[in-house]
Amino acid sequence: MTQQPARERTLPRAILFDWDNTLVESWGVIHEAMNLTLAAMGHIHWTREETERRVRASLRDSFPILFGDRWREAEQIFYNSFSAIHLEHLRALPGAGEMLAHLAGTGLYLGVISNKRGVYLRREADHLGWTGHFRALAGAGDAVRDKPAIEHVQLALGNLALGEDVWLVGDADIDLKCATNAGCTPVLLRPAAPGAGEFPGHEPALYFPDCAGLLAYLRQA
């Protein structure tokens, strides 16, 4: 069920989307590449559930914690594995393409803020034929700091100012934290509704179970 704020519905000035598992299904390829990396580095494999729970931050933020001084080696192993298979496994989530085409056609500013390395993000957008929908595709390493840092949001917005009329849409806690840090509106997009107390300090202002629900809401604004 879509949660709606008490205030009058208005169209946002800009929408910044997370990429992985917000617009495209990515857990399968991330899980496979992560386990290949863990095995090469002498770590035990993660279950799919562990991958979905633990993969949030960019590699340059998360790998030093996981692999210590060998994190650059692990990063190279991960990206070698990922680059070989990511386009083969890439799938748009239901309704994502239709939603983006409609919103882009209205002239709304659309961007992506992802902790996937920028070169892979842009390659995937090209592969899906979506590049033209976005004013900016900001991936990991493109800004001074990655999501949830405000610099990543500022890069994706270009000359636009931050504000509550900028929505940041994503499927994970890091997306909601990022929106809160930047003073934007946090929007949760995933099948499961947010649980009570699940996102303390960065609760979603809006929740949608899928892209069709988000598009329907915006069409009614």
N, C-alpha and C. Protein backbone atom coordinates (compact mmCIF):
# COMPACT_ATOMS: atom_id res chain seq x y z
N MET A 1 0.85 -1.19 0.00
CA MET A 1 0.00 0.00 0.00
C MET A 1 0.88 1.24 0.00
N THR A 2 0.54 2.23 -0.82
CA THR A 2 1.33 3.45 -0.91
C THR A 2 1.07 4.36 0.26
N GLN A 3 2.10 4.79 0.95
CA GLN A 3 1.96 5.77 2.00
C GLN A 3 1.99 7.16 1.39
N GLN A 4 1.06 8.00 1.79
CA GLN A 4 0.97 9.32 1.23
C GLN A 4 1.08 10.36 2.33
N PRO A 5 1.80 11.44 2.09
CA PRO A 5 1.94 12.46 3.11
C PRO A 5 0.67 13.27 3.25
N ALA A 6 0.53 13.96 4.38
CA ALA A 6 -0.66 14.76 4.63
C ALA A 6 -0.71 15.98 3.72
N ARG A 7 0.45 16.48 3.31
CA ARG A 7 0.47 17.68 2.49
C ARG A 7 -0.08 17.40 1.10
N GLU A 8 -0.47 18.45 0.42
CA GLU A 8 -1.00 18.33 -0.92
C GLU A 8 0.05 17.74 -1.85
N ARG A 9 -0.42 16.87 -2.73
CA ARG A 9 0.51 16.26 -3.69
C ARG A 9 0.99 17.31 -4.68
N THR A 10 2.27 17.35 -4.87
CA THR A 10 2.85 18.21 -5.89
C THR A 10 3.96 17.44 -6.60
N LEU A 11 4.17 17.77 -7.85
CA LEU A 11 5.25 17.14 -8.59
C LEU A 11 6.60 17.58 -8.04
N PRO A 12 7.54 16.66 -7.94
CA PRO A 12 8.89 17.06 -7.54
C PRO A 12 9.56 17.86 -8.66
N ARG A 13 10.54 18.64 -8.29
CA ARG A 13 11.33 19.39 -9.27
C ARG A 13 12.34 18.48 -9.97
N ALA A 14 12.79 17.47 -9.25
CA ALA A 14 13.75 16.51 -9.79
C ALA A 14 13.60 15.20 -9.03
N ILE A 15 13.90 14.11 -9.71
CA ILE A 15 13.94 12.79 -9.07
C ILE A 15 15.29 12.15 -9.37
N LEU A 16 15.98 11.75 -8.32
CA LEU A 16 17.22 11.00 -8.44
C LEU A 16 16.94 9.57 -8.01
N PHE A 17 17.22 8.63 -8.89
CA PHE A 17 16.97 7.22 -8.62
C PHE A 17 18.26 6.51 -8.23
N ASP A 18 18.15 5.62 -7.27
CA ASP A 18 19.14 4.57 -7.12
C ASP A 18 19.02 3.68 -8.35
N TRP A 19 20.03 2.86 -8.61
CA TRP A 19 20.03 2.01 -9.80
C TRP A 19 19.73 0.56 -9.48
N ASP A 20 20.66 -0.08 -8.77
CA ASP A 20 20.56 -1.51 -8.51
C ASP A 20 19.37 -1.83 -7.61
N ASN A 21 18.50 -2.70 -8.11
CA ASN A 21 17.35 -3.19 -7.38
C ASN A 21 16.33 -2.11 -7.04
N THR A 22 16.47 -0.98 -7.74
CA THR A 22 15.45 0.06 -7.77
C THR A 22 14.88 0.16 -9.17
N LEU A 23 15.78 0.23 -10.17
CA LEU A 23 15.38 0.25 -11.58
C LEU A 23 15.73 -1.04 -12.30
N VAL A 24 16.80 -1.71 -11.87
CA VAL A 24 17.21 -2.97 -12.50
C VAL A 24 17.44 -4.04 -11.43
N GLU A 25 17.26 -5.29 -11.82
CA GLU A 25 17.52 -6.41 -10.92
C GLU A 25 19.00 -6.74 -10.99
N SER A 26 19.68 -6.64 -9.85
CA SER A 26 21.14 -6.80 -9.84
C SER A 26 21.66 -7.78 -8.80
N TRP A 27 20.81 -8.26 -7.92
CA TRP A 27 21.33 -9.06 -6.83
C TRP A 27 22.04 -10.33 -7.29
N GLY A 28 21.54 -10.95 -8.35
CA GLY A 28 22.16 -12.19 -8.82
C GLY A 28 23.60 -12.00 -9.23
N VAL A 29 23.87 -10.99 -10.05
CA VAL A 29 25.23 -10.76 -10.52
C VAL A 29 26.12 -10.23 -9.40
N ILE A 30 25.60 -9.38 -8.54
CA ILE A 30 26.38 -8.88 -7.41
C ILE A 30 26.77 -10.04 -6.49
N HIS A 31 25.82 -10.92 -6.22
CA HIS A 31 26.08 -12.06 -5.35
C HIS A 31 27.15 -12.97 -5.94
N GLU A 32 27.06 -13.26 -7.23
CA GLU A 32 28.03 -14.13 -7.87
C GLU A 32 29.43 -13.51 -7.86
N ALA A 33 29.54 -12.23 -8.23
CA ALA A 33 30.84 -11.57 -8.25
C ALA A 33 31.41 -11.43 -6.85
N MET A 34 30.54 -11.19 -5.87
CA MET A 34 31.01 -11.05 -4.49
C MET A 34 31.57 -12.36 -3.96
N ASN A 35 30.90 -13.46 -4.25
CA ASN A 35 31.39 -14.74 -3.76
C ASN A 35 32.67 -15.18 -4.46
N LEU A 36 32.82 -14.86 -5.72
CA LEU A 36 34.09 -15.13 -6.40
C LEU A 36 35.23 -14.34 -5.74
N THR A 37 34.94 -13.12 -5.35
CA THR A 37 35.93 -12.28 -4.67
C THR A 37 36.26 -12.83 -3.29
N LEU A 38 35.23 -13.17 -2.53
CA LEU A 38 35.45 -13.70 -1.19
C LEU A 38 36.29 -14.97 -1.23
N ALA A 39 35.99 -15.86 -2.19
CA ALA A 39 36.75 -17.11 -2.30
C ALA A 39 38.21 -16.84 -2.63
N ALA A 40 38.44 -15.92 -3.56
CA ALA A 40 39.81 -15.60 -3.96
C ALA A 40 40.60 -14.98 -2.82
N MET A 41 39.91 -14.30 -1.92
CA MET A 41 40.57 -13.63 -0.80
C MET A 41 40.61 -14.49 0.46
N GLY A 42 40.16 -15.75 0.34
CA GLY A 42 40.22 -16.66 1.48
C GLY A 42 39.11 -16.49 2.48
N HIS A 43 38.02 -15.87 2.09
CA HIS A 43 36.86 -15.70 2.97
C HIS A 43 35.79 -16.73 2.61
N ILE A 44 34.90 -16.98 3.55
CA ILE A 44 33.80 -17.90 3.27
C ILE A 44 32.75 -17.19 2.43
N HIS A 45 32.00 -17.98 1.67
CA HIS A 45 30.94 -17.44 0.83
C HIS A 45 29.83 -16.82 1.68
N TRP A 46 29.14 -15.87 1.09
CA TRP A 46 27.92 -15.32 1.69
C TRP A 46 26.72 -16.00 1.07
N THR A 47 25.68 -16.14 1.85
CA THR A 47 24.40 -16.54 1.29
C THR A 47 23.81 -15.36 0.52
N ARG A 48 22.81 -15.64 -0.30
CA ARG A 48 22.14 -14.56 -1.02
C ARG A 48 21.55 -13.54 -0.02
N GLU A 49 20.99 -14.04 1.06
CA GLU A 49 20.43 -13.15 2.09
C GLU A 49 21.50 -12.24 2.67
N GLU A 50 22.68 -12.80 2.95
CA GLU A 50 23.77 -11.98 3.48
C GLU A 50 24.20 -10.92 2.48
N THR A 51 24.29 -11.28 1.22
CA THR A 51 24.67 -10.31 0.19
C THR A 51 23.68 -9.17 0.16
N GLU A 52 22.40 -9.47 0.15
CA GLU A 52 21.38 -8.43 0.08
C GLU A 52 21.38 -7.55 1.33
N ARG A 53 21.76 -8.11 2.45
CA ARG A 53 21.79 -7.35 3.70
C ARG A 53 23.05 -6.50 3.82
N ARG A 54 24.18 -7.01 3.31
CA ARG A 54 25.46 -6.36 3.59
C ARG A 54 25.96 -5.43 2.50
N VAL A 55 25.50 -5.61 1.27
CA VAL A 55 25.98 -4.77 0.17
C VAL A 55 25.16 -3.48 0.14
N ARG A 56 25.79 -2.39 0.51
CA ARG A 56 25.14 -1.09 0.55
C ARG A 56 26.07 0.00 0.00
N ALA A 57 27.20 0.17 0.67
CA ALA A 57 28.13 1.24 0.33
C ALA A 57 28.93 0.89 -0.92
N SER A 58 29.61 1.89 -1.49
CA SER A 58 30.48 1.65 -2.63
C SER A 58 31.67 0.80 -2.20
N LEU A 59 32.34 0.20 -3.19
CA LEU A 59 33.49 -0.64 -2.88
C LEU A 59 34.60 0.14 -2.20
N ARG A 60 34.81 1.40 -2.61
CA ARG A 60 35.91 2.15 -1.99
C ARG A 60 35.62 2.49 -0.53
N ASP A 61 34.34 2.41 -0.13
CA ASP A 61 34.00 2.62 1.27
C ASP A 61 33.91 1.31 2.05
N SER A 62 33.45 0.24 1.39
CA SER A 62 33.19 -1.02 2.11
C SER A 62 34.35 -2.01 2.07
N PHE A 63 35.10 -2.07 0.97
CA PHE A 63 36.15 -3.08 0.85
C PHE A 63 37.33 -2.88 1.81
N PRO A 64 37.76 -1.65 2.13
CA PRO A 64 38.82 -1.52 3.13
C PRO A 64 38.43 -2.10 4.48
N ILE A 65 37.15 -2.03 4.83
CA ILE A 65 36.68 -2.60 6.09
C ILE A 65 36.68 -4.12 6.01
N LEU A 66 36.29 -4.65 4.88
CA LEU A 66 36.16 -6.10 4.72
C LEU A 66 37.49 -6.79 4.48
N PHE A 67 38.36 -6.16 3.68
CA PHE A 67 39.59 -6.83 3.26
C PHE A 67 40.88 -6.16 3.75
N GLY A 68 40.75 -5.06 4.48
CA GLY A 68 41.93 -4.41 5.04
C GLY A 68 42.89 -3.91 3.97
N ASP A 69 44.19 -4.12 4.18
CA ASP A 69 45.21 -3.60 3.26
C ASP A 69 45.15 -4.25 1.87
N ARG A 70 44.44 -5.34 1.73
CA ARG A 70 44.34 -6.04 0.44
C ARG A 70 43.09 -5.63 -0.33
N TRP A 71 42.46 -4.54 0.07
CA TRP A 71 41.18 -4.21 -0.54
C TRP A 71 41.29 -3.87 -2.02
N ARG A 72 42.40 -3.29 -2.43
CA ARG A 72 42.56 -2.97 -3.86
C ARG A 72 42.63 -4.25 -4.70
N GLU A 73 43.29 -5.27 -4.17
CA GLU A 73 43.35 -6.56 -4.85
C GLU A 73 41.95 -7.15 -4.97
N ALA A 74 41.19 -7.09 -3.88
CA ALA A 74 39.83 -7.60 -3.89
C ALA A 74 38.94 -6.81 -4.85
N GLU A 75 39.14 -5.52 -4.90
CA GLU A 75 38.36 -4.68 -5.81
C GLU A 75 38.59 -5.10 -7.26
N GLN A 76 39.83 -5.36 -7.61
CA GLN A 76 40.15 -5.76 -8.98
C GLN A 76 39.51 -7.11 -9.31
N ILE A 77 39.56 -8.04 -8.37
CA ILE A 77 38.93 -9.35 -8.58
C ILE A 77 37.43 -9.19 -8.78
N PHE A 78 36.81 -8.37 -7.94
CA PHE A 78 35.37 -8.17 -8.05
C PHE A 78 35.01 -7.60 -9.41
N TYR A 79 35.68 -6.54 -9.82
CA TYR A 79 35.31 -5.89 -11.07
C TYR A 79 35.65 -6.75 -12.29
N ASN A 80 36.70 -7.54 -12.22
CA ASN A 80 36.98 -8.47 -13.32
C ASN A 80 35.85 -9.48 -13.46
N SER A 81 35.36 -9.97 -12.33
CA SER A 81 34.26 -10.93 -12.35
C SER A 81 32.97 -10.26 -12.80
N PHE A 82 32.70 -9.09 -12.24
CA PHE A 82 31.45 -8.39 -12.54
C PHE A 82 31.37 -7.97 -14.00
N SER A 83 32.46 -7.42 -14.53
CA SER A 83 32.43 -6.89 -15.89
C SER A 83 32.19 -7.99 -16.93
N ALA A 84 32.56 -9.22 -16.59
CA ALA A 84 32.41 -10.32 -17.54
C ALA A 84 30.96 -10.79 -17.66
N ILE A 85 30.13 -10.48 -16.67
CA ILE A 85 28.79 -11.09 -16.66
C ILE A 85 27.65 -10.09 -16.48
N HIS A 86 27.93 -8.81 -16.17
CA HIS A 86 26.83 -7.95 -15.72
C HIS A 86 25.82 -7.64 -16.80
N LEU A 87 26.24 -7.45 -18.05
CA LEU A 87 25.27 -7.14 -19.09
C LEU A 87 24.42 -8.36 -19.45
N GLU A 88 25.02 -9.53 -19.37
CA GLU A 88 24.29 -10.77 -19.66
C GLU A 88 23.14 -10.97 -18.67
N HIS A 89 23.36 -10.58 -17.42
CA HIS A 89 22.37 -10.79 -16.37
C HIS A 89 21.47 -9.57 -16.15
N LEU A 90 21.72 -8.48 -16.82
CA LEU A 90 20.99 -7.24 -16.57
C LEU A 90 19.53 -7.37 -16.97
N ARG A 91 18.64 -7.01 -16.05
CA ARG A 91 17.20 -7.04 -16.32
C ARG A 91 16.56 -5.79 -15.71
N ALA A 92 15.74 -5.12 -16.52
CA ALA A 92 14.97 -4.00 -15.98
C ALA A 92 13.88 -4.54 -15.06
N LEU A 93 13.63 -3.84 -13.96
CA LEU A 93 12.53 -4.23 -13.09
C LEU A 93 11.21 -3.88 -13.76
N PRO A 94 10.15 -4.61 -13.44
CA PRO A 94 8.86 -4.39 -14.11
C PRO A 94 8.40 -2.93 -14.02
N GLY A 95 8.06 -2.38 -15.16
CA GLY A 95 7.53 -1.03 -15.21
C GLY A 95 8.55 0.08 -15.20
N ALA A 96 9.83 -0.25 -15.02
CA ALA A 96 10.85 0.80 -14.89
C ALA A 96 11.01 1.57 -16.20
N GLY A 97 11.11 0.85 -17.31
CA GLY A 97 11.30 1.53 -18.59
C GLY A 97 10.14 2.43 -18.95
N GLU A 98 8.92 1.96 -18.73
CA GLU A 98 7.74 2.76 -19.03
C GLU A 98 7.68 4.00 -18.14
N MET A 99 7.99 3.82 -16.86
CA MET A 99 7.99 4.95 -15.93
C MET A 99 8.99 6.02 -16.34
N LEU A 100 10.22 5.60 -16.64
CA LEU A 100 11.26 6.57 -17.00
C LEU A 100 10.91 7.29 -18.30
N ALA A 101 10.40 6.57 -19.27
CA ALA A 101 10.04 7.20 -20.55
C ALA A 101 8.96 8.24 -20.35
N HIS A 102 7.97 7.92 -19.53
CA HIS A 102 6.88 8.88 -19.29
C HIS A 102 7.40 10.11 -18.55
N LEU A 103 8.16 9.90 -17.49
CA LEU A 103 8.63 11.03 -16.69
C LEU A 103 9.59 11.91 -17.48
N ALA A 104 10.47 11.29 -18.24
CA ALA A 104 11.39 12.07 -19.08
C ALA A 104 10.61 12.89 -20.10
N GLY A 105 9.52 12.33 -20.61
CA GLY A 105 8.71 13.03 -21.59
C GLY A 105 8.00 14.25 -21.05
N THR A 106 7.83 14.30 -19.72
CA THR A 106 7.21 15.48 -19.11
C THR A 106 8.21 16.62 -18.92
N GLY A 107 9.48 16.34 -19.13
CA GLY A 107 10.51 17.35 -18.90
C GLY A 107 11.06 17.37 -17.50
N LEU A 108 10.60 16.46 -16.65
CA LEU A 108 11.09 16.38 -15.28
C LEU A 108 12.58 16.02 -15.27
N TYR A 109 13.34 16.66 -14.40
CA TYR A 109 14.77 16.37 -14.28
C TYR A 109 14.92 15.00 -13.63
N LEU A 110 15.54 14.07 -14.33
CA LEU A 110 15.80 12.73 -13.82
C LEU A 110 17.30 12.48 -13.77
N GLY A 111 17.74 11.85 -12.70
CA GLY A 111 19.14 11.48 -12.58
C GLY A 111 19.27 10.17 -11.83
N VAL A 112 20.47 9.64 -11.83
CA VAL A 112 20.77 8.41 -11.09
C VAL A 112 21.93 8.70 -10.15
N ILE A 113 21.80 8.19 -8.92
CA ILE A 113 22.89 8.26 -7.95
C ILE A 113 23.11 6.84 -7.43
N SER A 114 24.20 6.24 -7.85
CA SER A 114 24.43 4.82 -7.60
C SER A 114 25.81 4.58 -7.02
N ASN A 115 25.92 3.57 -6.16
CA ASN A 115 27.22 3.16 -5.66
C ASN A 115 27.85 2.07 -6.52
N LYS A 116 27.30 1.89 -7.71
CA LYS A 116 27.98 1.09 -8.75
C LYS A 116 28.97 2.01 -9.46
N ARG A 117 30.15 1.52 -9.75
CA ARG A 117 31.15 2.35 -10.43
C ARG A 117 30.56 2.96 -11.70
N GLY A 118 30.87 4.24 -11.91
CA GLY A 118 30.23 5.01 -12.97
C GLY A 118 30.32 4.39 -14.35
N VAL A 119 31.47 3.81 -14.70
CA VAL A 119 31.63 3.25 -16.03
C VAL A 119 30.65 2.11 -16.27
N TYR A 120 30.37 1.30 -15.25
CA TYR A 120 29.42 0.19 -15.40
C TYR A 120 27.99 0.70 -15.39
N LEU A 121 27.71 1.68 -14.57
CA LEU A 121 26.38 2.28 -14.55
C LEU A 121 26.01 2.81 -15.92
N ARG A 122 26.89 3.58 -16.52
CA ARG A 122 26.59 4.18 -17.83
C ARG A 122 26.53 3.12 -18.93
N ARG A 123 27.34 2.08 -18.81
CA ARG A 123 27.29 1.00 -19.79
C ARG A 123 25.94 0.28 -19.72
N GLU A 124 25.43 0.08 -18.52
CA GLU A 124 24.14 -0.59 -18.37
C GLU A 124 22.99 0.29 -18.86
N ALA A 125 23.06 1.59 -18.58
CA ALA A 125 22.02 2.50 -19.08
C ALA A 125 21.99 2.50 -20.61
N ASP A 126 23.17 2.49 -21.23
CA ASP A 126 23.24 2.42 -22.69
C ASP A 126 22.64 1.11 -23.20
N HIS A 127 22.98 0.03 -22.54
CA HIS A 127 22.51 -1.30 -22.96
C HIS A 127 20.99 -1.37 -22.94
N LEU A 128 20.36 -0.72 -21.97
CA LEU A 128 18.91 -0.74 -21.84
C LEU A 128 18.23 0.33 -22.69
N GLY A 129 19.03 1.22 -23.30
CA GLY A 129 18.46 2.31 -24.08
C GLY A 129 17.86 3.41 -23.23
N TRP A 130 18.35 3.57 -22.00
CA TRP A 130 17.79 4.53 -21.05
C TRP A 130 18.60 5.80 -20.90
N THR A 131 19.77 5.87 -21.47
CA THR A 131 20.65 7.00 -21.21
C THR A 131 19.97 8.34 -21.47
N GLY A 132 19.20 8.42 -22.54
CA GLY A 132 18.55 9.67 -22.90
C GLY A 132 17.49 10.13 -21.93
N HIS A 133 17.05 9.27 -21.02
CA HIS A 133 16.05 9.67 -20.03
C HIS A 133 16.65 10.54 -18.92
N PHE A 134 17.96 10.45 -18.74
CA PHE A 134 18.60 11.05 -17.57
C PHE A 134 19.45 12.27 -17.93
N ARG A 135 19.41 13.26 -17.06
CA ARG A 135 20.30 14.42 -17.20
C ARG A 135 21.68 14.10 -16.64
N ALA A 136 21.74 13.17 -15.69
CA ALA A 136 23.02 12.80 -15.08
C ALA A 136 22.96 11.36 -14.61
N LEU A 137 24.08 10.64 -14.78
CA LEU A 137 24.24 9.28 -14.28
C LEU A 137 25.50 9.27 -13.42
N ALA A 138 25.32 9.45 -12.12
CA ALA A 138 26.44 9.60 -11.19
C ALA A 138 26.70 8.29 -10.46
N GLY A 139 27.83 7.68 -10.76
CA GLY A 139 28.19 6.41 -10.14
C GLY A 139 29.28 6.56 -9.10
N ALA A 140 29.64 5.45 -8.49
CA ALA A 140 30.70 5.44 -7.49
C ALA A 140 32.00 5.94 -8.11
N GLY A 141 32.69 6.80 -7.39
CA GLY A 141 33.95 7.34 -7.86
C GLY A 141 33.82 8.60 -8.69
N ASP A 142 32.61 8.96 -9.10
CA ASP A 142 32.42 10.17 -9.91
C ASP A 142 32.48 11.43 -9.08
N ALA A 143 32.03 11.35 -7.84
CA ALA A 143 32.07 12.49 -6.91
C ALA A 143 33.22 12.30 -5.93
N VAL A 144 33.49 13.33 -5.16
CA VAL A 144 34.56 13.25 -4.15
C VAL A 144 34.25 12.16 -3.14
N ARG A 145 32.98 12.05 -2.77
CA ARG A 145 32.54 10.98 -1.87
C ARG A 145 31.28 10.35 -2.46
N ASP A 146 31.08 9.07 -2.12
CA ASP A 146 29.95 8.32 -2.65
C ASP A 146 28.75 8.40 -1.72
N LYS A 147 27.62 7.98 -2.22
CA LYS A 147 26.39 7.88 -1.44
C LYS A 147 26.67 7.11 -0.15
N PRO A 148 26.24 7.62 1.01
CA PRO A 148 25.22 8.62 1.28
C PRO A 148 25.73 10.06 1.43
N ALA A 149 26.90 10.37 0.91
CA ALA A 149 27.45 11.71 1.06
C ALA A 149 26.71 12.71 0.18
N ILE A 150 26.62 13.94 0.64
CA ILE A 150 25.89 14.99 -0.07
C ILE A 150 26.56 15.33 -1.40
N GLU A 151 27.89 15.17 -1.49
CA GLU A 151 28.59 15.50 -2.73
C GLU A 151 28.09 14.67 -3.92
N HIS A 152 27.71 13.45 -3.65
CA HIS A 152 27.21 12.58 -4.72
C HIS A 152 25.87 13.11 -5.24
N VAL A 153 25.04 13.60 -4.33
CA VAL A 153 23.74 14.17 -4.72
C VAL A 153 23.96 15.45 -5.52
N GLN A 154 24.86 16.28 -5.05
CA GLN A 154 25.12 17.55 -5.75
C GLN A 154 25.63 17.30 -7.17
N LEU A 155 26.46 16.30 -7.35
CA LEU A 155 26.95 15.98 -8.68
C LEU A 155 25.80 15.57 -9.60
N ALA A 156 24.90 14.75 -9.09
CA ALA A 156 23.78 14.28 -9.90
C ALA A 156 22.81 15.40 -10.26
N LEU A 157 22.74 16.43 -9.41
CA LEU A 157 21.82 17.54 -9.66
C LEU A 157 22.41 18.63 -10.55
N GLY A 158 23.69 18.63 -10.75
CA GLY A 158 24.30 19.67 -11.58
C GLY A 158 24.09 21.04 -10.97
N ASN A 159 23.45 21.94 -11.70
CA ASN A 159 23.23 23.31 -11.24
C ASN A 159 21.96 23.47 -10.40
N LEU A 160 21.19 22.40 -10.24
CA LEU A 160 19.97 22.49 -9.44
C LEU A 160 20.31 22.50 -7.95
N ALA A 161 19.49 23.22 -7.20
CA ALA A 161 19.71 23.31 -5.75
C ALA A 161 19.07 22.13 -5.04
N LEU A 162 19.62 21.78 -3.89
CA LEU A 162 19.03 20.77 -3.04
C LEU A 162 17.74 21.29 -2.43
N GLY A 163 16.86 20.38 -2.03
CA GLY A 163 15.62 20.80 -1.39
C GLY A 163 14.64 19.65 -1.31
N GLU A 164 13.55 19.86 -0.57
CA GLU A 164 12.56 18.81 -0.40
C GLU A 164 11.83 18.47 -1.69
N ASP A 165 11.87 19.39 -2.67
CA ASP A 165 11.23 19.09 -3.95
C ASP A 165 12.14 18.28 -4.87
N VAL A 166 13.26 17.83 -4.34
CA VAL A 166 14.10 16.82 -5.00
C VAL A 166 13.84 15.49 -4.28
N TRP A 167 13.36 14.51 -5.02
CA TRP A 167 13.12 13.18 -4.44
C TRP A 167 14.31 12.28 -4.72
N LEU A 168 14.69 11.52 -3.72
CA LEU A 168 15.72 10.50 -3.89
C LEU A 168 15.04 9.16 -3.65
N VAL A 169 14.94 8.36 -4.72
CA VAL A 169 14.17 7.11 -4.71
C VAL A 169 15.12 5.92 -4.69
N GLY A 170 14.95 5.04 -3.71
CA GLY A 170 15.79 3.85 -3.65
C GLY A 170 15.17 2.75 -2.83
N ASP A 171 15.85 1.61 -2.79
CA ASP A 171 15.31 0.41 -2.15
C ASP A 171 15.94 0.11 -0.80
N ALA A 172 16.92 0.89 -0.36
CA ALA A 172 17.71 0.51 0.81
C ALA A 172 17.90 1.68 1.77
N ASP A 173 18.35 1.33 2.97
CA ASP A 173 18.55 2.34 4.00
C ASP A 173 19.55 3.42 3.58
N ILE A 174 20.57 3.04 2.81
CA ILE A 174 21.58 4.02 2.42
C ILE A 174 20.98 5.12 1.53
N ASP A 175 19.96 4.77 0.76
CA ASP A 175 19.29 5.76 -0.09
C ASP A 175 18.51 6.76 0.76
N LEU A 176 17.83 6.25 1.78
CA LEU A 176 17.07 7.12 2.67
C LEU A 176 18.00 8.00 3.50
N LYS A 177 19.12 7.45 3.94
CA LYS A 177 20.12 8.24 4.67
C LYS A 177 20.67 9.35 3.78
N CYS A 178 20.93 9.01 2.54
CA CYS A 178 21.48 9.98 1.60
C CYS A 178 20.51 11.14 1.39
N ALA A 179 19.23 10.82 1.20
CA ALA A 179 18.22 11.86 1.03
C ALA A 179 18.14 12.75 2.26
N THR A 180 18.16 12.13 3.44
CA THR A 180 18.09 12.90 4.68
C THR A 180 19.31 13.80 4.84
N ASN A 181 20.49 13.27 4.54
CA ASN A 181 21.72 14.06 4.63
C ASN A 181 21.66 15.29 3.74
N ALA A 182 21.05 15.15 2.56
CA ALA A 182 21.03 16.23 1.57
C ALA A 182 19.82 17.15 1.70
N GLY A 183 18.91 16.85 2.62
CA GLY A 183 17.72 17.66 2.77
C GLY A 183 16.71 17.44 1.67
N CYS A 184 16.76 16.26 1.02
CA CYS A 184 15.81 15.90 -0.03
C CYS A 184 14.73 14.99 0.54
N THR A 185 13.73 14.67 -0.26
CA THR A 185 12.65 13.80 0.18
C THR A 185 13.01 12.34 -0.05
N PRO A 186 13.07 11.53 1.03
CA PRO A 186 13.41 10.12 0.88
C PRO A 186 12.19 9.30 0.46
N VAL A 187 12.35 8.53 -0.61
CA VAL A 187 11.26 7.71 -1.15
C VAL A 187 11.74 6.27 -1.24
N LEU A 188 11.00 5.37 -0.59
CA LEU A 188 11.35 3.95 -0.60
C LEU A 188 10.59 3.24 -1.71
N LEU A 189 11.32 2.50 -2.55
CA LEU A 189 10.72 1.76 -3.66
C LEU A 189 11.21 0.32 -3.59
N ARG A 190 10.34 -0.57 -3.12
CA ARG A 190 10.66 -2.00 -3.01
C ARG A 190 9.37 -2.75 -2.73
N PRO A 191 9.32 -4.06 -2.97
CA PRO A 191 8.08 -4.79 -2.73
C PRO A 191 7.61 -4.77 -1.29
N ALA A 192 8.54 -4.89 -0.34
CA ALA A 192 8.15 -4.97 1.08
C ALA A 192 7.96 -3.58 1.67
N ALA A 193 6.82 -3.37 2.32
CA ALA A 193 6.56 -2.10 2.99
C ALA A 193 7.54 -1.91 4.14
N PRO A 194 7.87 -0.67 4.49
CA PRO A 194 8.79 -0.44 5.61
C PRO A 194 8.19 -0.91 6.92
N GLY A 195 9.02 -1.59 7.70
CA GLY A 195 8.56 -2.04 9.00
C GLY A 195 8.64 -0.93 10.03
N ALA A 196 7.90 -1.10 11.12
CA ALA A 196 7.91 -0.11 12.20
C ALA A 196 9.32 0.00 12.78
N GLY A 197 9.88 1.20 12.79
CA GLY A 197 11.21 1.42 13.35
C GLY A 197 12.35 0.90 12.50
N GLU A 198 12.07 0.55 11.25
CA GLU A 198 13.12 -0.04 10.40
C GLU A 198 14.17 0.99 10.00
N PHE A 199 13.78 2.24 9.84
CA PHE A 199 14.69 3.27 9.36
C PHE A 199 14.75 4.45 10.34
N PRO A 200 15.27 4.23 11.54
CA PRO A 200 15.26 5.30 12.53
C PRO A 200 16.11 6.50 12.10
N GLY A 201 15.50 7.67 12.13
CA GLY A 201 16.22 8.89 11.78
C GLY A 201 16.20 9.21 10.31
N HIS A 202 15.78 8.28 9.46
CA HIS A 202 15.70 8.54 8.03
C HIS A 202 14.52 7.76 7.42
N GLU A 203 13.37 7.93 8.04
CA GLU A 203 12.16 7.25 7.59
C GLU A 203 11.75 7.77 6.20
N PRO A 204 11.20 6.89 5.37
CA PRO A 204 10.74 7.34 4.06
C PRO A 204 9.52 8.26 4.18
N ALA A 205 9.52 9.32 3.40
CA ALA A 205 8.34 10.19 3.33
C ALA A 205 7.25 9.57 2.49
N LEU A 206 7.65 8.73 1.54
CA LEU A 206 6.72 8.03 0.67
C LEU A 206 7.23 6.61 0.45
N TYR A 207 6.30 5.69 0.25
CA TYR A 207 6.65 4.31 -0.06
C TYR A 207 5.81 3.84 -1.25
N PHE A 208 6.48 3.14 -2.18
CA PHE A 208 5.81 2.52 -3.32
C PHE A 208 6.34 1.10 -3.49
N PRO A 209 5.47 0.15 -3.77
CA PRO A 209 5.92 -1.24 -3.93
C PRO A 209 6.60 -1.51 -5.27
N ASP A 210 6.34 -0.63 -6.27
CA ASP A 210 6.91 -0.87 -7.58
C ASP A 210 6.88 0.41 -8.40
N CYS A 211 7.48 0.34 -9.59
CA CYS A 211 7.56 1.53 -10.45
C CYS A 211 6.19 1.99 -10.92
N ALA A 212 5.29 1.04 -11.15
CA ALA A 212 3.94 1.40 -11.59
C ALA A 212 3.23 2.22 -10.53
N GLY A 213 3.43 1.88 -9.26
CA GLY A 213 2.82 2.64 -8.18
C GLY A 213 3.35 4.05 -8.09
N LEU A 214 4.66 4.21 -8.26
CA LEU A 214 5.26 5.54 -8.25
C LEU A 214 4.74 6.37 -9.40
N LEU A 215 4.68 5.79 -10.58
CA LEU A 215 4.20 6.52 -11.76
C LEU A 215 2.74 6.94 -11.58
N ALA A 216 1.91 6.03 -11.06
CA ALA A 216 0.50 6.35 -10.85
C ALA A 216 0.34 7.52 -9.89
N TYR A 217 1.13 7.53 -8.84
CA TYR A 217 1.09 8.63 -7.87
C TYR A 217 1.45 9.96 -8.53
N LEU A 218 2.50 9.98 -9.33
CA LEU A 218 2.93 11.21 -9.98
C LEU A 218 1.92 11.67 -11.03
N ARG A 219 1.26 10.75 -11.68
CA ARG A 219 0.27 11.14 -12.67
C ARG A 219 -0.95 11.80 -12.03
N GLN A 220 -1.19 11.51 -10.76
CA GLN A 220 -2.33 12.07 -10.06
C GLN A 220 -2.01 13.39 -9.38
N ALA A 221 -0.72 13.76 -9.36
CA ALA A 221 -0.33 14.99 -8.65
C ALA A 221 -0.85 16.22 -9.37
